[in-house]
Amino acid sequence: DLTCMGAKPLYLTCAFIIEEGLETAKLDQIAKAM
């Protein structure tokens, strides 16, 4: 979305809504991919 405006991405913030019972290993994979 930033790229579409010709803006070099510099900083990101993130907010997680996590469902109780999510496997910790899956959350680890998600954070690693990010």
PDB file of all heavy atoms in Angstrom:
ATOM      1  N   ASP A   1       0.834  -1.210   0.000  1.00  0.00           N
ATOM      2  CA  ASP A   1       0.000   0.000   0.000  1.00  0.00           C
ATOM      3  C   ASP A   1       0.867   1.257   0.000  1.00  0.00           C
ATOM      4  O   ASP A   1       0.571   2.234  -0.706  1.00  0.00           O
ATOM      5  CB  ASP A   1      -0.931   0.002   1.211  1.00  0.00           C
ATOM      6  CG  ASP A   1      -2.116  -0.942   1.038  1.00  0.00           C
ATOM      7  OD1 ASP A   1      -2.363  -1.398  -0.096  1.00  0.00           O
ATOM      8  OD2 ASP A   1      -2.790  -1.236   2.045  1.00  0.00           O
ATOM      9  N   LEU A   2       1.915   1.275   0.795  1.00  0.00           N
ATOM     10  CA  LEU A   2       2.838   2.413   0.789  1.00  0.00           C
ATOM     11  C   LEU A   2       3.540   2.527  -0.558  1.00  0.00           C
ATOM     12  O   LEU A   2       3.707   3.626  -1.111  1.00  0.00           O
ATOM     13  CB  LEU A   2       3.877   2.255   1.904  1.00  0.00           C
ATOM     14  CG  LEU A   2       3.355   2.302   3.337  1.00  0.00           C
ATOM     15  CD1 LEU A   2       4.463   1.922   4.316  1.00  0.00           C
ATOM     16  CD2 LEU A   2       2.794   3.681   3.683  1.00  0.00           C
ATOM     17  N   THR A   3       3.947   1.385  -1.098  1.00  0.00           N
ATOM     18  CA  THR A   3       4.641   1.351  -2.378  1.00  0.00           C
ATOM     19  C   THR A   3       3.806   1.977  -3.480  1.00  0.00           C
ATOM     20  O   THR A   3       4.333   2.673  -4.355  1.00  0.00           O
ATOM     21  CB  THR A   3       4.993  -0.110  -2.729  1.00  0.00           C
ATOM     22  OG1 THR A   3       5.907  -0.620  -1.747  1.00  0.00           O
ATOM     23  CG2 THR A   3       5.615  -0.228  -4.103  1.00  0.00           C
ATOM     24  N   CYS A   4       2.500   1.736  -3.443  1.00  0.00           N
ATOM     25  CA  CYS A   4       1.607   2.278  -4.478  1.00  0.00           C
ATOM     26  C   CYS A   4       1.594   3.802  -4.506  1.00  0.00           C
ATOM     27  O   CYS A   4       1.202   4.395  -5.517  1.00  0.00           O
ATOM     28  CB  CYS A   4       0.185   1.768  -4.266  1.00  0.00           C
ATOM     29  SG  CYS A   4      -0.037   0.049  -4.701  1.00  0.00           S
ATOM     30  N   MET A   5       2.003   4.432  -3.429  1.00  0.00           N
ATOM     31  CA  MET A   5       2.074   5.885  -3.377  1.00  0.00           C
ATOM     32  C   MET A   5       3.474   6.398  -3.676  1.00  0.00           C
ATOM     33  O   MET A   5       3.747   7.594  -3.569  1.00  0.00           O
ATOM     34  CB  MET A   5       1.611   6.397  -2.011  1.00  0.00           C
ATOM     35  CG  MET A   5       0.190   6.004  -1.652  1.00  0.00           C
ATOM     36  SD  MET A   5      -1.016   6.383  -2.961  1.00  0.00           S
ATOM     37  CE  MET A   5      -0.886   8.164  -3.037  1.00  0.00           C
ATOM     38  N   GLY A   6       4.390   5.483  -4.017  1.00  0.00           N
ATOM     39  CA  GLY A   6       5.768   5.892  -4.253  1.00  0.00           C
ATOM     40  C   GLY A   6       6.511   6.198  -2.977  1.00  0.00           C
ATOM     41  O   GLY A   6       7.435   7.014  -2.961  1.00  0.00           O
ATOM     42  N   ALA A   7       6.144   5.516  -1.898  1.00  0.00           N
ATOM     43  CA  ALA A   7       6.762   5.766  -0.596  1.00  0.00           C
ATOM     44  C   ALA A   7       7.606   4.568  -0.177  1.00  0.00           C
ATOM     45  O   ALA A   7       7.119   3.435  -0.148  1.00  0.00           O
ATOM     46  CB  ALA A   7       5.691   6.032   0.462  1.00  0.00           C
ATOM     47  N   LYS A   8       8.853   4.819   0.161  1.00  0.00           N
ATOM     48  CA  LYS A   8       9.726   3.765   0.658  1.00  0.00           C
ATOM     49  C   LYS A   8       9.295   3.377   2.063  1.00  0.00           C
ATOM     50  O   LYS A   8       9.292   4.211   2.980  1.00  0.00           O
ATOM     51  CB  LYS A   8      11.176   4.252   0.691  1.00  0.00           C
ATOM     52  CG  LYS A   8      12.142   3.209   1.221  1.00  0.00           C
ATOM     53  CD  LYS A   8      13.562   3.726   1.290  1.00  0.00           C
ATOM     54  CE  LYS A   8      14.504   2.653   1.827  1.00  0.00           C
ATOM     55  NZ  LYS A   8      15.895   3.133   1.918  1.00  0.00           N
ATOM     56  N   PRO A   9       8.921   2.124   2.292  1.00  0.00           N
ATOM     57  CA  PRO A   9       8.479   1.716   3.632  1.00  0.00           C
ATOM     58  C   PRO A   9       9.608   1.824   4.649  1.00  0.00           C
ATOM     59  O   PRO A   9      10.721   1.354   4.409  1.00  0.00           O
ATOM     60  CB  PRO A   9       8.057   0.247   3.426  1.00  0.00           C
ATOM     61  CG  PRO A   9       7.804   0.116   1.952  1.00  0.00           C
ATOM     62  CD  PRO A   9       8.791   1.033   1.308  1.00  0.00           C
ATOM     63  N   LEU A  10       9.320   2.456   5.772  1.00  0.00           N
ATOM     64  CA  LEU A  10      10.324   2.648   6.819  1.00  0.00           C
ATOM     65  C   LEU A  10       9.973   1.908   8.099  1.00  0.00           C
ATOM     66  O   LEU A  10      10.788   1.164   8.640  1.00  0.00           O
ATOM     67  CB  LEU A  10      10.478   4.138   7.132  1.00  0.00           C
ATOM     68  CG  LEU A  10      10.961   5.051   6.007  1.00  0.00           C
ATOM     69  CD1 LEU A  10      10.968   6.500   6.491  1.00  0.00           C
ATOM     70  CD2 LEU A  10      12.343   4.635   5.530  1.00  0.00           C
ATOM     71  N   TYR A  11       8.762   2.133   8.611  1.00  0.00           N
ATOM     72  CA  TYR A  11       8.377   1.619   9.918  1.00  0.00           C
ATOM     73  C   TYR A  11       7.013   0.942   9.847  1.00  0.00           C
ATOM     74  O   TYR A  11       6.123   1.378   9.119  1.00  0.00           O
ATOM     75  CB  TYR A  11       8.298   2.753  10.948  1.00  0.00           C
ATOM     76  CG  TYR A  11       9.495   3.664  10.981  1.00  0.00           C
ATOM     77  CD1 TYR A  11       9.366   5.028  10.711  1.00  0.00           C
ATOM     78  CD2 TYR A  11      10.759   3.168  11.301  1.00  0.00           C
ATOM     79  CE1 TYR A  11      10.460   5.877  10.750  1.00  0.00           C
ATOM     80  CE2 TYR A  11      11.863   4.015  11.335  1.00  0.00           C
ATOM     81  CZ  TYR A  11      11.711   5.365  11.059  1.00  0.00           C
ATOM     82  OH  TYR A  11      12.796   6.199  11.088  1.00  0.00           O
ATOM     83  N   LEU A  12       6.857  -0.100  10.661  1.00  0.00           N
ATOM     84  CA  LEU A  12       5.571  -0.773  10.802  1.00  0.00           C
ATOM     85  C   LEU A  12       5.249  -0.971  12.277  1.00  0.00           C
ATOM     86  O   LEU A  12       6.154  -1.189  13.094  1.00  0.00           O
ATOM     87  CB  LEU A  12       5.601  -2.161  10.138  1.00  0.00           C
ATOM     88  CG  LEU A  12       5.729  -2.260   8.626  1.00  0.00           C
ATOM     89  CD1 LEU A  12       5.861  -3.726   8.219  1.00  0.00           C
ATOM     90  CD2 LEU A  12       4.525  -1.638   7.933  1.00  0.00           C
ATOM     91  N   THR A  13       3.974  -0.894  12.598  1.00  0.00           N
ATOM     92  CA  THR A  13       3.488  -1.392  13.881  1.00  0.00           C
ATOM     93  C   THR A  13       2.514  -2.525  13.598  1.00  0.00           C
ATOM     94  O   THR A  13       1.961  -2.621  12.495  1.00  0.00           O
ATOM     95  CB  THR A  13       2.779  -0.299  14.700  1.00  0.00           C
ATOM     96  OG1 THR A  13       1.562   0.082  14.034  1.00  0.00           O
ATOM     97  CG2 THR A  13       3.659   0.920  14.881  1.00  0.00           C
ATOM     98  N   CYS A  14       2.309  -3.375  14.586  1.00  0.00           N
ATOM     99  CA  CYS A  14       1.388  -4.498  14.378  1.00  0.00           C
ATOM    100  C   CYS A  14       0.591  -4.758  15.652  1.00  0.00           C
ATOM    101  O   CYS A  14       1.099  -4.578  16.766  1.00  0.00           O
ATOM    102  CB  CYS A  14       2.146  -5.756  13.951  1.00  0.00           C
ATOM    103  SG  CYS A  14       3.417  -6.296  15.104  1.00  0.00           S
ATOM    104  N   ALA A  15      -0.651  -5.185  15.456  1.00  0.00           N
ATOM    105  CA  ALA A  15      -1.513  -5.558  16.576  1.00  0.00           C
ATOM    106  C   ALA A  15      -2.070  -6.948  16.303  1.00  0.00           C
ATOM    107  O   ALA A  15      -2.545  -7.224  15.195  1.00  0.00           O
ATOM    108  CB  ALA A  15      -2.645  -4.547  16.740  1.00  0.00           C
ATOM    109  N   PHE A  16      -2.007  -7.812  17.310  1.00  0.00           N
ATOM    110  CA  PHE A  16      -2.469  -9.192  17.191  1.00  0.00           C
ATOM    111  C   PHE A  16      -3.733  -9.403  18.028  1.00  0.00           C
ATOM    112  O   PHE A  16      -3.760  -9.020  19.202  1.00  0.00           O
ATOM    113  CB  PHE A  16      -1.408 -10.172  17.698  1.00  0.00           C
ATOM    114  CG  PHE A  16      -0.174 -10.255  16.840  1.00  0.00           C
ATOM    115  CD1 PHE A  16       0.841  -9.316  16.973  1.00  0.00           C
ATOM    116  CD2 PHE A  16      -0.029 -11.270  15.919  1.00  0.00           C
ATOM    117  CE1 PHE A  16       1.984  -9.391  16.199  1.00  0.00           C
ATOM    118  CE2 PHE A  16       1.115 -11.346  15.135  1.00  0.00           C
ATOM    119  CZ  PHE A  16       2.119 -10.414  15.275  1.00  0.00           C
ATOM    120  N   ILE A  17      -4.742 -10.009  17.431  1.00  0.00           N
ATOM    121  CA  ILE A  17      -5.885 -10.543  18.165  1.00  0.00           C
ATOM    122  C   ILE A  17      -5.760 -12.058  18.053  1.00  0.00           C
ATOM    123  O   ILE A  17      -5.930 -12.632  16.971  1.00  0.00           O
ATOM    124  CB  ILE A  17      -7.230 -10.082  17.581  1.00  0.00           C
ATOM    125  CG1 ILE A  17      -7.292  -8.549  17.491  1.00  0.00           C
ATOM    126  CG2 ILE A  17      -8.392 -10.645  18.398  1.00  0.00           C
ATOM    127  CD1 ILE A  17      -7.275  -7.852  18.821  1.00  0.00           C
ATOM    128  N   ILE A  18      -5.441 -12.728  19.153  1.00  0.00           N
ATOM    129  CA  ILE A  18      -5.133 -14.157  19.142  1.00  0.00           C
ATOM    130  C   ILE A  18      -6.249 -14.923  19.847  1.00  0.00           C
ATOM    131  O   ILE A  18      -6.670 -14.562  20.955  1.00  0.00           O
ATOM    132  CB  ILE A  18      -3.793 -14.431  19.855  1.00  0.00           C
ATOM    133  CG1 ILE A  18      -2.669 -13.598  19.211  1.00  0.00           C
ATOM    134  CG2 ILE A  18      -3.443 -15.917  19.811  1.00  0.00           C
ATOM    135  CD1 ILE A  18      -1.375 -13.611  20.013  1.00  0.00           C
ATOM    136  N   GLU A  19      -6.718 -15.970  19.201  1.00  0.00           N
ATOM    137  CA  GLU A  19      -7.757 -16.811  19.797  1.00  0.00           C
ATOM    138  C   GLU A  19      -7.132 -17.763  20.814  1.00  0.00           C
ATOM    139  O   GLU A  19      -6.103 -18.399  20.547  1.00  0.00           O
ATOM    140  CB  GLU A  19      -8.478 -17.612  18.710  1.00  0.00           C
ATOM    141  CG  GLU A  19      -9.617 -18.463  19.247  1.00  0.00           C
ATOM    142  CD  GLU A  19     -10.256 -19.328  18.168  1.00  0.00           C
ATOM    143  OE1 GLU A  19      -9.579 -19.597  17.153  1.00  0.00           O
ATOM    144  OE2 GLU A  19     -11.412 -19.745  18.346  1.00  0.00           O
ATOM    145  N   GLU A  20      -7.737 -17.844  21.970  1.00  0.00           N
ATOM    146  CA  GLU A  20      -7.310 -18.809  22.975  1.00  0.00           C
ATOM    147  C   GLU A  20      -7.227 -20.215  22.354  1.00  0.00           C
ATOM    148  O   GLU A  20      -8.135 -20.637  21.629  1.00  0.00           O
ATOM    149  CB  GLU A  20      -8.321 -18.811  24.126  1.00  0.00           C
ATOM    150  CG  GLU A  20      -8.064 -19.830  25.206  1.00  0.00           C
ATOM    151  CD  GLU A  20      -9.223 -19.946  26.183  1.00  0.00           C
ATOM    152  OE1 GLU A  20     -10.337 -19.494  25.842  1.00  0.00           O
ATOM    153  OE2 GLU A  20      -9.011 -20.501  27.274  1.00  0.00           O
ATOM    154  N   GLY A  21      -6.128 -20.895  22.598  1.00  0.00           N
ATOM    155  CA  GLY A  21      -5.965 -22.240  22.067  1.00  0.00           C
ATOM    156  C   GLY A  21      -5.101 -22.321  20.819  1.00  0.00           C
ATOM    157  O   GLY A  21      -4.765 -23.420  20.366  1.00  0.00           O
ATOM    158  N   LEU A  22      -4.737 -21.170  20.238  1.00  0.00           N
ATOM    159  CA  LEU A  22      -3.847 -21.206  19.085  1.00  0.00           C
ATOM    160  C   LEU A  22      -2.530 -21.873  19.480  1.00  0.00           C
ATOM    161  O   LEU A  22      -1.960 -21.565  20.535  1.00  0.00           O
ATOM    162  CB  LEU A  22      -3.565 -19.780  18.589  1.00  0.00           C
ATOM    163  CG  LEU A  22      -2.542 -19.658  17.439  1.00  0.00           C
ATOM    164  CD1 LEU A  22      -3.081 -20.269  16.152  1.00  0.00           C
ATOM    165  CD2 LEU A  22      -2.141 -18.208  17.215  1.00  0.00           C
ATOM    166  N   GLU A  23      -2.061 -22.768  18.629  1.00  0.00           N
ATOM    167  CA  GLU A  23      -0.798 -23.438  18.919  1.00  0.00           C
ATOM    168  C   GLU A  23       0.340 -22.416  18.915  1.00  0.00           C
ATOM    169  O   GLU A  23       0.467 -21.615  17.984  1.00  0.00           O
ATOM    170  CB  GLU A  23      -0.531 -24.524  17.878  1.00  0.00           C
ATOM    171  CG  GLU A  23      -1.519 -25.675  17.936  1.00  0.00           C
ATOM    172  CD  GLU A  23      -1.288 -26.667  16.809  1.00  0.00           C
ATOM    173  OE1 GLU A  23      -0.144 -26.760  16.327  1.00  0.00           O
ATOM    174  OE2 GLU A  23      -2.253 -27.333  16.410  1.00  0.00           O
ATOM    175  N   THR A  24       1.148 -22.470  19.949  1.00  0.00           N
ATOM    176  CA  THR A  24       2.274 -21.550  20.064  1.00  0.00           C
ATOM    177  C   THR A  24       3.206 -21.675  18.867  1.00  0.00           C
ATOM    178  O   THR A  24       3.750 -20.671  18.376  1.00  0.00           O
ATOM    179  CB  THR A  24       3.038 -21.826  21.366  1.00  0.00           C
ATOM    180  OG1 THR A  24       2.124 -21.772  22.470  1.00  0.00           O
ATOM    181  CG2 THR A  24       4.147 -20.816  21.571  1.00  0.00           C
ATOM    182  N   ALA A  25       3.396 -22.893  18.378  1.00  0.00           N
ATOM    183  CA  ALA A  25       4.276 -23.106  17.229  1.00  0.00           C
ATOM    184  C   ALA A  25       3.761 -22.385  15.994  1.00  0.00           C
ATOM    185  O   ALA A  25       4.549 -21.888  15.181  1.00  0.00           O
ATOM    186  CB  ALA A  25       4.412 -24.601  16.948  1.00  0.00           C
ATOM    187  N   LYS A  26       2.450 -22.317  15.824  1.00  0.00           N
ATOM    188  CA  LYS A  26       1.880 -21.602  14.679  1.00  0.00           C
ATOM    189  C   LYS A  26       2.129 -20.102  14.807  1.00  0.00           C
ATOM    190  O   LYS A  26       2.456 -19.428  13.818  1.00  0.00           O
ATOM    191  CB  LYS A  26       0.385 -21.884  14.558  1.00  0.00           C
ATOM    192  CG  LYS A  26       0.050 -23.271  14.043  1.00  0.00           C
ATOM    193  CD  LYS A  26      -1.436 -23.407  13.787  1.00  0.00           C
ATOM    194  CE  LYS A  26      -1.774 -24.757  13.156  1.00  0.00           C
ATOM    195  NZ  LYS A  26      -3.231 -24.897  12.903  1.00  0.00           N
ATOM    196  N   LEU A  27       1.955 -19.577  16.016  1.00  0.00           N
ATOM    197  CA  LEU A  27       2.210 -18.148  16.223  1.00  0.00           C
ATOM    198  C   LEU A  27       3.688 -17.840  15.957  1.00  0.00           C
ATOM    199  O   LEU A  27       4.020 -16.802  15.383  1.00  0.00           O
ATOM    200  CB  LEU A  27       1.829 -17.743  17.637  1.00  0.00           C
ATOM    201  CG  LEU A  27       1.941 -16.253  17.969  1.00  0.00           C
ATOM    202  CD1 LEU A  27       1.037 -15.422  17.060  1.00  0.00           C
ATOM    203  CD2 LEU A  27       1.612 -15.999  19.436  1.00  0.00           C
ATOM    204  N   ASP A  28       4.554 -18.746  16.347  1.00  0.00           N
ATOM    205  CA  ASP A  28       5.980 -18.578  16.082  1.00  0.00           C
ATOM    206  C   ASP A  28       6.242 -18.536  14.577  1.00  0.00           C
ATOM    207  O   ASP A  28       7.014 -17.689  14.089  1.00  0.00           O
ATOM    208  CB  ASP A  28       6.758 -19.729  16.719  1.00  0.00           C
ATOM    209  CG  ASP A  28       8.261 -19.523  16.672  1.00  0.00           C
ATOM    210  OD1 ASP A  28       8.880 -19.877  15.651  1.00  0.00           O
ATOM    211  OD2 ASP A  28       8.814 -18.993  17.660  1.00  0.00           O
ATOM    212  N   GLN A  29       5.605 -19.414  13.807  1.00  0.00           N
ATOM    213  CA  GLN A  29       5.764 -19.412  12.347  1.00  0.00           C
ATOM    214  C   GLN A  29       5.285 -18.105  11.737  1.00  0.00           C
ATOM    215  O   GLN A  29       5.900 -17.572  10.804  1.00  0.00           O
ATOM    216  CB  GLN A  29       4.981 -20.578  11.738  1.00  0.00           C
ATOM    217  CG  GLN A  29       5.540 -21.951  12.013  1.00  0.00           C
ATOM    218  CD  GLN A  29       4.656 -23.037  11.422  1.00  0.00           C
ATOM    219  OE1 GLN A  29       4.312 -23.026  10.238  1.00  0.00           O
ATOM    220  NE2 GLN A  29       4.256 -23.982  12.253  1.00  0.00           N
ATOM    221  N   ILE A  30       4.173 -17.592  12.255  1.00  0.00           N
ATOM    222  CA  ILE A  30       3.614 -16.344  11.741  1.00  0.00           C
ATOM    223  C   ILE A  30       4.561 -15.177  11.998  1.00  0.00           C
ATOM    224  O   ILE A  30       4.851 -14.370  11.103  1.00  0.00           O
ATOM    225  CB  ILE A  30       2.232 -16.092  12.377  1.00  0.00           C
ATOM    226  CG1 ILE A  30       1.202 -17.082  11.816  1.00  0.00           C
ATOM    227  CG2 ILE A  30       1.775 -14.649  12.160  1.00  0.00           C
ATOM    228  CD1 ILE A  30      -0.098 -17.129  12.586  1.00  0.00           C
ATOM    229  N   ALA A  31       5.074 -15.088  13.232  1.00  0.00           N
ATOM    230  CA  ALA A  31       6.004 -14.003  13.567  1.00  0.00           C
ATOM    231  C   ALA A  31       7.288 -14.117  12.756  1.00  0.00           C
ATOM    232  O   ALA A  31       7.839 -13.108  12.288  1.00  0.00           O
ATOM    233  CB  ALA A  31       6.310 -14.030  15.064  1.00  0.00           C
ATOM    234  N   LYS A  32       7.775 -15.335  12.569  1.00  0.00           N
ATOM    235  CA  LYS A  32       8.989 -15.536  11.776  1.00  0.00           C
ATOM    236  C   LYS A  32       8.771 -15.076  10.334  1.00  0.00           C
ATOM    237  O   LYS A  32       9.636 -14.401   9.743  1.00  0.00           O
ATOM    238  CB  LYS A  32       9.384 -17.013  11.794  1.00  0.00           C
ATOM    239  CG  LYS A  32      10.659 -17.306  11.024  1.00  0.00           C
ATOM    240  CD  LYS A  32      11.007 -18.797  11.081  1.00  0.00           C
ATOM    241  CE  LYS A  32      12.288 -19.084  10.307  1.00  0.00           C
ATOM    242  NZ  LYS A  32      12.611 -20.535  10.294  1.00  0.00           N
ATOM    243  N   ALA A  33       7.617 -15.412   9.756  1.00  0.00           N
ATOM    244  CA  ALA A  33       7.314 -14.990   8.384  1.00  0.00           C
ATOM    245  C   ALA A  33       7.238 -13.475   8.283  1.00  0.00           C
ATOM    246  O   ALA A  33       7.697 -12.878   7.290  1.00  0.00           O
ATOM    247  CB  ALA A  33       5.996 -15.612   7.919  1.00  0.00           C
ATOM    248  N   MET A  34       6.682 -12.825   9.305  1.00  0.00           N
ATOM    249  CA  MET A  34       6.620 -11.367   9.313  1.00  0.00           C
ATOM    250  C   MET A  34       8.017 -10.764   9.318  1.00  0.00           C
ATOM    251  O   MET A  34       8.316  -9.843   8.550  1.00  0.00           O
ATOM    252  CB  MET A  34       5.833 -10.879  10.536  1.00  0.00           C
ATOM    253  CG  MET A  34       4.359 -11.242  10.504  1.00  0.00           C
ATOM    254  SD  MET A  34       3.487 -10.777  12.032  1.00  0.00           S
ATOM    255  CE  MET A  34       3.429  -8.993  11.867  1.00  0.00           C
TER     256      MET A  34
END
